[in-house]
Amino acid sequence: MKNPVLLDLPAAIQSQRLLLRSPRSGDGAALHETIVESLPELRRFLASLPWVAEEQTRESAEVFCRNAESNFLTRRNLPFLMFAKESGCLIGVCGLHRTVWDVPKTEVGYWVRSSESGKGYVTEAVTRLVAFAFEALAAERIEIITDAENLASRRVAERCGFTLEGLLRRERRAPDGSLRNTCVYARLADR
């Protein structure tokens, strides 16, 4: 396998309604606004998103953006901010995470701004990211791992052609001490 740092990957990709762009320095204020609006929904699944339990500040959002920019360049993670083309508004975050380059396989993660939920943006972003992963990364396997009770996330996986491969029972502990079940979805390359 070629060193992933040497892969020439675009910092932005597009779908019909979205511009998916890797975070960069200066994106923190817009990201903070998006996170703060969405905190109640994001905090419903703290076992899957432990970072939202912390205090959310402009500084922490800017730190995320700068670290994400670095991670994108080193190919540790391939995070993207989701912008609506029509308005230019930041509407969420998605990305390819925990990539195992020797396979290669990767995991899709996503969340959307509360006021933009239910408009099909996440399905559109995931569809585009999956195509990108199969084409640009030559991925053999792409996973979506979600809390079993996160029905919206599970519907995205199913709409995007992922197969439920298993339910990991009592697989992780939430901050409140409860044990959570996790769904593992996957898509394989058509080779």
N, C-alpha and C. Protein backbone atom coordinates (compact mmCIF):
# COMPACT_ATOMS: atom_id res chain seq x y z
N MET A 1 0.85 -1.19 0.00
CA MET A 1 0.00 0.00 0.00
C MET A 1 0.88 1.24 0.00
N LYS A 2 0.58 2.14 -0.88
CA LYS A 2 1.25 3.43 -0.96
C LYS A 2 1.01 4.19 0.35
N ASN A 3 1.99 4.94 0.80
CA ASN A 3 1.82 5.76 2.00
C ASN A 3 0.63 6.70 1.78
N PRO A 4 -0.39 6.67 2.66
CA PRO A 4 -1.59 7.48 2.44
C PRO A 4 -1.32 8.98 2.38
N VAL A 5 -0.25 9.44 3.02
CA VAL A 5 0.08 10.86 2.97
C VAL A 5 0.37 11.29 1.54
N LEU A 6 0.79 10.36 0.72
CA LEU A 6 1.12 10.67 -0.68
C LEU A 6 -0.10 10.65 -1.60
N LEU A 7 -1.26 10.25 -1.08
CA LEU A 7 -2.47 10.27 -1.90
C LEU A 7 -2.87 11.72 -2.19
N ASP A 8 -3.08 12.01 -3.43
CA ASP A 8 -3.56 13.34 -3.81
C ASP A 8 -5.09 13.35 -3.71
N LEU A 9 -5.57 13.88 -2.61
CA LEU A 9 -7.02 13.93 -2.39
C LEU A 9 -7.49 15.38 -2.41
N PRO A 10 -8.62 15.63 -3.01
CA PRO A 10 -9.14 17.01 -3.01
C PRO A 10 -9.59 17.40 -1.61
N ALA A 11 -9.40 18.67 -1.27
CA ALA A 11 -9.84 19.18 0.03
C ALA A 11 -11.33 19.50 0.03
N ALA A 12 -11.95 19.42 -1.15
CA ALA A 12 -13.39 19.67 -1.25
C ALA A 12 -13.98 18.76 -2.33
N ILE A 13 -15.18 18.28 -2.05
CA ILE A 13 -15.94 17.52 -3.02
C ILE A 13 -17.37 18.06 -3.01
N GLN A 14 -18.10 17.82 -4.08
CA GLN A 14 -19.44 18.38 -4.18
C GLN A 14 -20.47 17.31 -4.50
N SER A 15 -21.68 17.60 -4.07
CA SER A 15 -22.85 16.82 -4.48
C SER A 15 -23.83 17.82 -5.07
N GLN A 16 -25.03 17.41 -5.32
CA GLN A 16 -26.00 18.30 -5.95
C GLN A 16 -26.22 19.58 -5.14
N ARG A 17 -26.43 19.44 -3.83
CA ARG A 17 -26.76 20.61 -3.00
C ARG A 17 -25.68 20.99 -2.01
N LEU A 18 -24.61 20.19 -1.93
CA LEU A 18 -23.63 20.38 -0.86
C LEU A 18 -22.21 20.58 -1.37
N LEU A 19 -21.48 21.38 -0.63
CA LEU A 19 -20.03 21.46 -0.76
C LEU A 19 -19.48 20.84 0.51
N LEU A 20 -18.70 19.78 0.37
CA LEU A 20 -18.04 19.13 1.49
C LEU A 20 -16.58 19.56 1.42
N ARG A 21 -16.14 20.29 2.47
CA ARG A 21 -14.79 20.84 2.47
C ARG A 21 -14.09 20.51 3.77
N SER A 22 -12.81 20.17 3.67
CA SER A 22 -12.07 19.87 4.90
C SER A 22 -11.99 21.14 5.75
N PRO A 23 -12.06 20.98 7.07
CA PRO A 23 -11.99 22.15 7.96
C PRO A 23 -10.63 22.84 7.83
N ARG A 24 -10.63 24.12 8.14
CA ARG A 24 -9.37 24.87 8.13
C ARG A 24 -9.43 25.95 9.19
N SER A 25 -8.29 26.51 9.43
CA SER A 25 -8.17 27.60 10.39
C SER A 25 -9.18 28.69 10.05
N GLY A 26 -9.89 29.15 11.06
CA GLY A 26 -10.90 30.19 10.87
C GLY A 26 -12.32 29.68 10.76
N ASP A 27 -12.52 28.37 10.67
CA ASP A 27 -13.87 27.79 10.58
C ASP A 27 -14.54 27.62 11.94
N GLY A 28 -13.80 27.87 13.02
CA GLY A 28 -14.31 27.57 14.35
C GLY A 28 -15.58 28.31 14.74
N ALA A 29 -15.69 29.59 14.41
CA ALA A 29 -16.88 30.36 14.80
C ALA A 29 -18.14 29.78 14.17
N ALA A 30 -18.09 29.48 12.88
CA ALA A 30 -19.27 28.91 12.22
C ALA A 30 -19.58 27.52 12.76
N LEU A 31 -18.54 26.73 13.03
CA LEU A 31 -18.77 25.40 13.58
C LEU A 31 -19.38 25.49 14.97
N HIS A 32 -18.88 26.40 15.80
CA HIS A 32 -19.41 26.57 17.15
C HIS A 32 -20.90 26.89 17.10
N GLU A 33 -21.30 27.80 16.24
CA GLU A 33 -22.71 28.16 16.10
C GLU A 33 -23.55 26.93 15.74
N THR A 34 -23.04 26.11 14.84
CA THR A 34 -23.75 24.91 14.39
C THR A 34 -23.87 23.90 15.53
N ILE A 35 -22.78 23.71 16.27
CA ILE A 35 -22.78 22.76 17.39
C ILE A 35 -23.76 23.21 18.47
N VAL A 36 -23.69 24.49 18.86
CA VAL A 36 -24.53 25.00 19.95
C VAL A 36 -26.01 24.82 19.62
N GLU A 37 -26.38 25.09 18.37
CA GLU A 37 -27.77 24.90 17.97
C GLU A 37 -28.20 23.44 18.11
N SER A 38 -27.27 22.53 17.92
CA SER A 38 -27.59 21.11 17.83
C SER A 38 -27.30 20.32 19.10
N LEU A 39 -26.81 20.95 20.14
CA LEU A 39 -26.40 20.23 21.35
C LEU A 39 -27.46 19.31 21.94
N PRO A 40 -28.71 19.73 22.09
CA PRO A 40 -29.69 18.81 22.68
C PRO A 40 -29.81 17.49 21.92
N GLU A 41 -29.82 17.56 20.59
CA GLU A 41 -29.93 16.34 19.79
C GLU A 41 -28.64 15.53 19.85
N LEU A 42 -27.49 16.19 19.75
CA LEU A 42 -26.21 15.49 19.78
C LEU A 42 -25.99 14.79 21.12
N ARG A 43 -26.41 15.43 22.19
CA ARG A 43 -26.19 14.87 23.53
C ARG A 43 -27.09 13.69 23.84
N ARG A 44 -28.03 13.38 22.99
CA ARG A 44 -28.87 12.19 23.20
C ARG A 44 -28.06 10.91 23.07
N PHE A 45 -26.93 10.97 22.37
CA PHE A 45 -26.13 9.77 22.11
C PHE A 45 -24.68 9.98 22.53
N LEU A 46 -24.50 10.34 23.81
CA LEU A 46 -23.16 10.64 24.32
C LEU A 46 -22.20 9.46 24.27
N ALA A 47 -22.71 8.25 24.33
CA ALA A 47 -21.82 7.09 24.24
C ALA A 47 -21.13 7.04 22.88
N SER A 48 -21.80 7.55 21.85
CA SER A 48 -21.24 7.58 20.50
C SER A 48 -20.50 8.89 20.20
N LEU A 49 -20.90 9.95 20.88
CA LEU A 49 -20.32 11.28 20.64
C LEU A 49 -19.85 11.89 21.96
N PRO A 50 -18.86 11.30 22.61
CA PRO A 50 -18.47 11.79 23.94
C PRO A 50 -17.97 13.23 23.96
N TRP A 51 -17.47 13.72 22.85
CA TRP A 51 -16.93 15.08 22.80
C TRP A 51 -18.00 16.14 23.06
N VAL A 52 -19.28 15.86 22.81
CA VAL A 52 -20.31 16.88 23.01
C VAL A 52 -20.70 17.05 24.47
N ALA A 53 -20.20 16.17 25.34
CA ALA A 53 -20.46 16.33 26.77
C ALA A 53 -19.66 17.50 27.35
N GLU A 54 -18.55 17.81 26.73
CA GLU A 54 -17.70 18.90 27.19
C GLU A 54 -18.33 20.25 26.87
N GLU A 55 -17.87 21.29 27.57
CA GLU A 55 -18.33 22.64 27.26
C GLU A 55 -17.90 22.99 25.84
N GLN A 56 -18.83 23.51 25.07
CA GLN A 56 -18.56 23.88 23.68
C GLN A 56 -18.29 25.38 23.60
N THR A 57 -17.10 25.74 23.19
CA THR A 57 -16.71 27.14 23.08
C THR A 57 -16.22 27.41 21.67
N ARG A 58 -16.11 28.69 21.33
CA ARG A 58 -15.53 29.04 20.03
C ARG A 58 -14.10 28.55 19.94
N GLU A 59 -13.42 28.63 21.05
CA GLU A 59 -12.03 28.17 21.07
C GLU A 59 -11.94 26.66 20.82
N SER A 60 -12.80 25.88 21.48
CA SER A 60 -12.75 24.43 21.28
C SER A 60 -13.13 24.07 19.84
N ALA A 61 -14.06 24.81 19.24
CA ALA A 61 -14.43 24.56 17.85
C ALA A 61 -13.27 24.91 16.92
N GLU A 62 -12.56 25.99 17.22
CA GLU A 62 -11.41 26.37 16.39
C GLU A 62 -10.29 25.34 16.53
N VAL A 63 -10.07 24.85 17.76
CA VAL A 63 -9.06 23.80 17.97
C VAL A 63 -9.43 22.57 17.15
N PHE A 64 -10.72 22.17 17.17
CA PHE A 64 -11.16 21.04 16.36
C PHE A 64 -10.82 21.28 14.89
N CYS A 65 -11.15 22.46 14.38
CA CYS A 65 -10.92 22.74 12.95
C CYS A 65 -9.44 22.66 12.60
N ARG A 66 -8.58 23.20 13.45
CA ARG A 66 -7.14 23.17 13.15
C ARG A 66 -6.59 21.75 13.26
N ASN A 67 -7.05 20.99 14.25
CA ASN A 67 -6.63 19.59 14.35
C ASN A 67 -7.17 18.78 13.16
N ALA A 68 -8.40 19.06 12.77
CA ALA A 68 -9.00 18.35 11.64
C ALA A 68 -8.25 18.65 10.35
N GLU A 69 -7.81 19.88 10.18
CA GLU A 69 -7.03 20.25 9.00
C GLU A 69 -5.73 19.44 8.96
N SER A 70 -5.09 19.34 10.11
CA SER A 70 -3.85 18.56 10.21
C SER A 70 -4.12 17.08 9.94
N ASN A 71 -5.18 16.55 10.54
CA ASN A 71 -5.53 15.13 10.34
C ASN A 71 -5.84 14.84 8.88
N PHE A 72 -6.48 15.78 8.19
CA PHE A 72 -6.78 15.58 6.78
C PHE A 72 -5.48 15.48 5.98
N LEU A 73 -4.55 16.35 6.26
CA LEU A 73 -3.28 16.36 5.53
C LEU A 73 -2.47 15.09 5.78
N THR A 74 -2.52 14.57 6.99
CA THR A 74 -1.75 13.37 7.33
C THR A 74 -2.55 12.09 7.07
N ARG A 75 -3.82 12.25 6.66
CA ARG A 75 -4.71 11.14 6.32
C ARG A 75 -5.09 10.27 7.52
N ARG A 76 -4.95 10.83 8.76
CA ARG A 76 -5.42 10.10 9.94
C ARG A 76 -6.94 10.04 9.96
N ASN A 77 -7.57 11.11 9.58
CA ASN A 77 -9.02 11.20 9.40
C ASN A 77 -9.25 12.09 8.19
N LEU A 78 -10.39 11.92 7.56
CA LEU A 78 -10.75 12.78 6.43
C LEU A 78 -12.08 13.47 6.76
N PRO A 79 -12.01 14.50 7.62
CA PRO A 79 -13.22 15.20 8.02
C PRO A 79 -13.64 16.24 6.97
N PHE A 80 -14.93 16.47 6.88
CA PHE A 80 -15.47 17.48 5.97
C PHE A 80 -16.56 18.28 6.68
N LEU A 81 -16.56 19.58 6.46
CA LEU A 81 -17.67 20.43 6.87
C LEU A 81 -18.67 20.40 5.72
N MET A 82 -19.95 20.35 6.06
CA MET A 82 -21.01 20.31 5.06
C MET A 82 -21.61 21.70 4.91
N PHE A 83 -21.49 22.28 3.72
CA PHE A 83 -22.07 23.59 3.44
C PHE A 83 -23.17 23.44 2.40
N ALA A 84 -24.29 24.10 2.65
CA ALA A 84 -25.35 24.15 1.64
C ALA A 84 -24.88 25.10 0.54
N LYS A 85 -24.86 24.62 -0.70
CA LYS A 85 -24.39 25.45 -1.81
C LYS A 85 -25.22 26.72 -1.96
N GLU A 86 -26.53 26.57 -1.83
CA GLU A 86 -27.42 27.70 -2.09
C GLU A 86 -27.21 28.84 -1.11
N SER A 87 -27.07 28.53 0.18
CA SER A 87 -26.96 29.57 1.20
C SER A 87 -25.53 29.80 1.68
N GLY A 88 -24.66 28.82 1.48
CA GLY A 88 -23.30 28.91 2.01
C GLY A 88 -23.23 28.59 3.50
N CYS A 89 -24.36 28.22 4.09
CA CYS A 89 -24.45 27.95 5.52
C CYS A 89 -23.80 26.61 5.87
N LEU A 90 -23.06 26.61 6.98
CA LEU A 90 -22.51 25.36 7.51
C LEU A 90 -23.65 24.59 8.16
N ILE A 91 -23.90 23.38 7.65
CA ILE A 91 -25.06 22.63 8.14
C ILE A 91 -24.70 21.34 8.84
N GLY A 92 -23.42 21.01 8.94
CA GLY A 92 -23.06 19.79 9.65
C GLY A 92 -21.64 19.37 9.36
N VAL A 93 -21.31 18.20 9.87
CA VAL A 93 -19.97 17.64 9.71
C VAL A 93 -20.13 16.18 9.33
N CYS A 94 -19.27 15.73 8.44
CA CYS A 94 -19.23 14.33 8.06
C CYS A 94 -17.77 13.98 7.79
N GLY A 95 -17.49 12.73 7.62
CA GLY A 95 -16.11 12.38 7.32
C GLY A 95 -15.87 10.89 7.29
N LEU A 96 -14.65 10.57 6.93
CA LEU A 96 -14.18 9.19 6.90
C LEU A 96 -13.16 9.04 8.03
N HIS A 97 -13.43 8.11 8.93
CA HIS A 97 -12.65 7.99 10.16
C HIS A 97 -12.15 6.57 10.37
N ARG A 98 -11.18 6.46 11.25
CA ARG A 98 -10.62 5.16 11.65
C ARG A 98 -10.28 4.30 10.43
N THR A 99 -9.67 4.93 9.45
CA THR A 99 -9.30 4.21 8.23
C THR A 99 -8.16 3.24 8.51
N VAL A 100 -8.32 2.02 8.03
CA VAL A 100 -7.27 1.01 8.09
C VAL A 100 -6.76 0.90 6.66
N TRP A 101 -5.62 1.52 6.40
CA TRP A 101 -5.12 1.66 5.04
C TRP A 101 -4.68 0.33 4.43
N ASP A 102 -4.29 -0.63 5.24
CA ASP A 102 -3.84 -1.92 4.70
C ASP A 102 -4.97 -2.70 4.05
N VAL A 103 -6.22 -2.46 4.45
CA VAL A 103 -7.34 -3.23 3.88
C VAL A 103 -7.70 -2.71 2.48
N PRO A 104 -8.00 -1.49 2.19
CA PRO A 104 -8.39 -0.39 3.05
C PRO A 104 -9.89 -0.42 3.39
N LYS A 105 -10.16 0.00 4.63
CA LYS A 105 -11.54 0.16 5.07
C LYS A 105 -11.62 1.46 5.86
N THR A 106 -12.82 1.98 5.97
CA THR A 106 -13.02 3.24 6.68
C THR A 106 -14.42 3.27 7.26
N GLU A 107 -14.66 4.25 8.11
CA GLU A 107 -15.96 4.43 8.76
C GLU A 107 -16.50 5.82 8.42
N VAL A 108 -17.77 5.90 8.10
CA VAL A 108 -18.42 7.18 7.84
C VAL A 108 -19.07 7.67 9.13
N GLY A 109 -18.81 8.92 9.45
CA GLY A 109 -19.48 9.57 10.58
C GLY A 109 -20.18 10.83 10.10
N TYR A 110 -21.23 11.25 10.82
CA TYR A 110 -21.98 12.41 10.36
C TYR A 110 -22.89 12.93 11.46
N TRP A 111 -23.17 14.21 11.39
CA TRP A 111 -24.23 14.84 12.16
C TRP A 111 -24.64 16.12 11.43
N VAL A 112 -25.87 16.54 11.64
CA VAL A 112 -26.40 17.69 10.91
C VAL A 112 -26.98 18.70 11.90
N ARG A 113 -26.88 19.94 11.54
CA ARG A 113 -27.45 21.05 12.31
C ARG A 113 -28.95 20.79 12.50
N SER A 114 -29.45 21.01 13.70
CA SER A 114 -30.84 20.68 14.02
C SER A 114 -31.85 21.31 13.07
N SER A 115 -31.63 22.58 12.72
CA SER A 115 -32.59 23.27 11.84
C SER A 115 -32.56 22.74 10.41
N GLU A 116 -31.56 21.93 10.06
CA GLU A 116 -31.44 21.38 8.71
C GLU A 116 -31.77 19.89 8.66
N SER A 117 -32.15 19.33 9.79
CA SER A 117 -32.48 17.91 9.88
C SER A 117 -33.74 17.61 9.07
N GLY A 118 -33.78 16.41 8.50
CA GLY A 118 -34.97 15.99 7.77
C GLY A 118 -35.06 16.48 6.34
N LYS A 119 -34.00 17.09 5.83
CA LYS A 119 -34.01 17.64 4.47
C LYS A 119 -33.20 16.79 3.49
N GLY A 120 -32.69 15.65 3.97
CA GLY A 120 -31.95 14.75 3.09
C GLY A 120 -30.48 15.10 2.90
N TYR A 121 -30.00 16.09 3.62
CA TYR A 121 -28.60 16.50 3.46
C TYR A 121 -27.62 15.41 3.88
N VAL A 122 -27.91 14.73 4.99
CA VAL A 122 -26.97 13.71 5.47
C VAL A 122 -26.93 12.54 4.48
N THR A 123 -28.07 12.10 4.00
CA THR A 123 -28.09 11.03 3.01
C THR A 123 -27.29 11.43 1.77
N GLU A 124 -27.45 12.67 1.34
CA GLU A 124 -26.70 13.16 0.17
C GLU A 124 -25.20 13.19 0.46
N ALA A 125 -24.83 13.67 1.63
CA ALA A 125 -23.40 13.73 2.00
C ALA A 125 -22.80 12.34 2.10
N VAL A 126 -23.51 11.43 2.75
CA VAL A 126 -22.99 10.06 2.91
C VAL A 126 -22.87 9.38 1.56
N THR A 127 -23.85 9.55 0.70
CA THR A 127 -23.78 8.97 -0.64
C THR A 127 -22.53 9.46 -1.37
N ARG A 128 -22.26 10.75 -1.26
CA ARG A 128 -21.09 11.33 -1.94
C ARG A 128 -19.79 10.83 -1.31
N LEU A 129 -19.75 10.76 0.04
CA LEU A 129 -18.55 10.28 0.72
C LEU A 129 -18.25 8.83 0.40
N VAL A 130 -19.29 8.02 0.30
CA VAL A 130 -19.11 6.60 -0.03
C VAL A 130 -18.51 6.47 -1.43
N ALA A 131 -19.04 7.21 -2.38
CA ALA A 131 -18.49 7.18 -3.74
C ALA A 131 -17.03 7.64 -3.72
N PHE A 132 -16.74 8.69 -2.97
CA PHE A 132 -15.38 9.20 -2.84
C PHE A 132 -14.45 8.13 -2.25
N ALA A 133 -14.91 7.46 -1.21
CA ALA A 133 -14.08 6.43 -0.55
C ALA A 133 -13.79 5.27 -1.50
N PHE A 134 -14.80 4.82 -2.23
CA PHE A 134 -14.57 3.72 -3.17
C PHE A 134 -13.65 4.15 -4.31
N GLU A 135 -13.82 5.37 -4.80
CA GLU A 135 -13.03 5.83 -5.94
C GLU A 135 -11.63 6.29 -5.54
N ALA A 136 -11.55 7.26 -4.66
CA ALA A 136 -10.27 7.91 -4.34
C ALA A 136 -9.40 7.10 -3.40
N LEU A 137 -10.04 6.35 -2.48
CA LEU A 137 -9.26 5.57 -1.50
C LEU A 137 -9.16 4.10 -1.89
N ALA A 138 -9.89 3.69 -2.90
CA ALA A 138 -9.98 2.28 -3.29
C ALA A 138 -10.43 1.43 -2.10
N ALA A 139 -11.35 1.97 -1.31
CA ALA A 139 -11.85 1.26 -0.13
C ALA A 139 -12.51 -0.05 -0.55
N GLU A 140 -12.29 -1.07 0.24
CA GLU A 140 -12.95 -2.36 0.06
C GLU A 140 -14.18 -2.48 0.95
N ARG A 141 -14.16 -1.75 2.08
CA ARG A 141 -15.23 -1.85 3.07
C ARG A 141 -15.43 -0.47 3.68
N ILE A 142 -16.70 -0.09 3.82
CA ILE A 142 -17.05 1.16 4.48
C ILE A 142 -18.10 0.83 5.54
N GLU A 143 -17.88 1.33 6.74
CA GLU A 143 -18.78 1.03 7.86
C GLU A 143 -19.50 2.29 8.34
N ILE A 144 -20.67 2.09 8.90
CA ILE A 144 -21.39 3.09 9.69
C ILE A 144 -21.70 2.40 11.00
N ILE A 145 -21.24 2.99 12.09
CA ILE A 145 -21.44 2.42 13.42
C ILE A 145 -22.26 3.42 14.22
N THR A 146 -23.41 2.97 14.70
CA THR A 146 -24.33 3.89 15.36
C THR A 146 -25.02 3.25 16.55
N ASP A 147 -25.43 4.09 17.47
CA ASP A 147 -26.23 3.63 18.61
C ASP A 147 -27.51 3.00 18.08
N ALA A 148 -27.91 1.88 18.65
CA ALA A 148 -29.10 1.16 18.18
C ALA A 148 -30.36 2.02 18.28
N GLU A 149 -30.39 2.96 19.22
CA GLU A 149 -31.57 3.81 19.38
C GLU A 149 -31.54 5.06 18.51
N ASN A 150 -30.44 5.28 17.79
CA ASN A 150 -30.35 6.44 16.91
C ASN A 150 -31.00 6.07 15.57
N LEU A 151 -32.31 6.12 15.56
CA LEU A 151 -33.08 5.67 14.40
C LEU A 151 -32.82 6.52 13.16
N ALA A 152 -32.60 7.82 13.34
CA ALA A 152 -32.32 8.68 12.19
C ALA A 152 -31.01 8.26 11.52
N SER A 153 -29.99 7.98 12.30
CA SER A 153 -28.71 7.55 11.75
C SER A 153 -28.84 6.19 11.08
N ARG A 154 -29.61 5.31 11.66
CA ARG A 154 -29.82 3.99 11.08
C ARG A 154 -30.55 4.10 9.74
N ARG A 155 -31.52 5.00 9.65
CA ARG A 155 -32.24 5.19 8.38
C ARG A 155 -31.30 5.71 7.30
N VAL A 156 -30.37 6.60 7.66
CA VAL A 156 -29.40 7.08 6.68
C VAL A 156 -28.59 5.90 6.14
N ALA A 157 -28.10 5.06 7.05
CA ALA A 157 -27.31 3.90 6.62
C ALA A 157 -28.11 3.04 5.64
N GLU A 158 -29.35 2.78 5.96
CA GLU A 158 -30.17 1.93 5.11
C GLU A 158 -30.48 2.59 3.77
N ARG A 159 -30.78 3.90 3.78
CA ARG A 159 -31.05 4.61 2.52
C ARG A 159 -29.81 4.64 1.62
N CYS A 160 -28.64 4.59 2.22
CA CYS A 160 -27.39 4.66 1.45
C CYS A 160 -26.86 3.28 1.07
N GLY A 161 -27.69 2.25 1.25
CA GLY A 161 -27.34 0.92 0.76
C GLY A 161 -26.44 0.10 1.67
N PHE A 162 -26.34 0.48 2.92
CA PHE A 162 -25.54 -0.28 3.88
C PHE A 162 -26.37 -1.45 4.42
N THR A 163 -25.69 -2.53 4.73
CA THR A 163 -26.31 -3.72 5.29
C THR A 163 -26.01 -3.80 6.77
N LEU A 164 -27.03 -4.06 7.58
CA LEU A 164 -26.82 -4.27 9.00
C LEU A 164 -26.13 -5.62 9.18
N GLU A 165 -24.90 -5.60 9.66
CA GLU A 165 -24.15 -6.84 9.84
C GLU A 165 -24.26 -7.39 11.25
N GLY A 166 -24.57 -6.52 12.20
CA GLY A 166 -24.68 -7.04 13.55
C GLY A 166 -25.08 -6.00 14.57
N LEU A 167 -25.55 -6.50 15.68
CA LEU A 167 -25.90 -5.68 16.83
C LEU A 167 -24.97 -6.09 17.96
N LEU A 168 -24.14 -5.15 18.38
CA LEU A 168 -23.23 -5.41 19.51
C LEU A 168 -23.97 -5.00 20.77
N ARG A 169 -24.36 -5.98 21.55
CA ARG A 169 -25.18 -5.73 22.73
C ARG A 169 -24.32 -5.29 23.91
N ARG A 170 -24.82 -4.26 24.61
CA ARG A 170 -24.14 -3.70 25.79
C ARG A 170 -22.66 -3.46 25.50
N GLU A 171 -22.40 -2.84 24.37
CA GLU A 171 -21.05 -2.70 23.84
C GLU A 171 -20.31 -1.49 24.39
N ARG A 172 -21.03 -0.46 24.78
CA ARG A 172 -20.37 0.73 25.32
C ARG A 172 -21.21 1.34 26.43
N ARG A 173 -20.52 2.06 27.29
CA ARG A 173 -21.19 2.67 28.44
C ARG A 173 -21.34 4.16 28.19
N ALA A 174 -22.54 4.65 28.39
CA ALA A 174 -22.83 6.07 28.27
C ALA A 174 -22.37 6.79 29.54
N PRO A 175 -22.19 8.10 29.49
CA PRO A 175 -21.78 8.85 30.68
C PRO A 175 -22.72 8.69 31.87
N ASP A 176 -24.00 8.39 31.61
CA ASP A 176 -24.94 8.20 32.73
C ASP A 176 -24.83 6.80 33.34
N GLY A 177 -23.92 5.98 32.82
CA GLY A 177 -23.70 4.64 33.35
C GLY A 177 -24.46 3.54 32.63
N SER A 178 -25.41 3.92 31.78
CA SER A 178 -26.19 2.90 31.07
C SER A 178 -25.33 2.23 29.99
N LEU A 179 -25.65 0.98 29.73
CA LEU A 179 -24.96 0.25 28.66
C LEU A 179 -25.75 0.41 27.38
N ARG A 180 -25.04 0.62 26.28
CA ARG A 180 -25.66 0.91 25.00
C ARG A 180 -25.41 -0.22 24.01
N ASN A 181 -26.36 -0.43 23.13
CA ASN A 181 -26.22 -1.37 22.02
C ASN A 181 -25.78 -0.59 20.78
N THR A 182 -24.94 -1.22 19.98
CA THR A 182 -24.38 -0.57 18.81
C THR A 182 -24.67 -1.38 17.56
N CYS A 183 -25.11 -0.70 16.50
CA CYS A 183 -25.35 -1.33 15.21
C CYS A 183 -24.14 -1.13 14.31
N VAL A 184 -23.73 -2.19 13.63
CA VAL A 184 -22.64 -2.13 12.66
C VAL A 184 -23.23 -2.37 11.28
N TYR A 185 -23.13 -1.35 10.44
CA TYR A 185 -23.57 -1.42 9.05
C TYR A 185 -22.32 -1.41 8.16
N ALA A 186 -22.41 -2.00 6.97
CA ALA A 186 -21.27 -1.98 6.06
C ALA A 186 -21.73 -2.02 4.61
N ARG A 187 -20.87 -1.48 3.76
CA ARG A 187 -20.97 -1.64 2.31
C ARG A 187 -19.63 -2.10 1.81
N LEU A 188 -19.67 -2.98 0.83
CA LEU A 188 -18.45 -3.51 0.25
C LEU A 188 -18.29 -3.00 -1.18
N ALA A 189 -17.04 -2.91 -1.60
CA ALA A 189 -16.77 -2.49 -2.98
C ALA A 189 -17.30 -3.52 -3.95
N ASP A 190 -17.82 -3.06 -5.06
CA ASP A 190 -18.31 -3.95 -6.12
C ASP A 190 -17.16 -4.25 -7.05
N ARG A 191 -16.36 -5.24 -6.69
CA ARG A 191 -15.18 -5.57 -7.52
C ARG A 191 -15.31 -6.98 -8.03
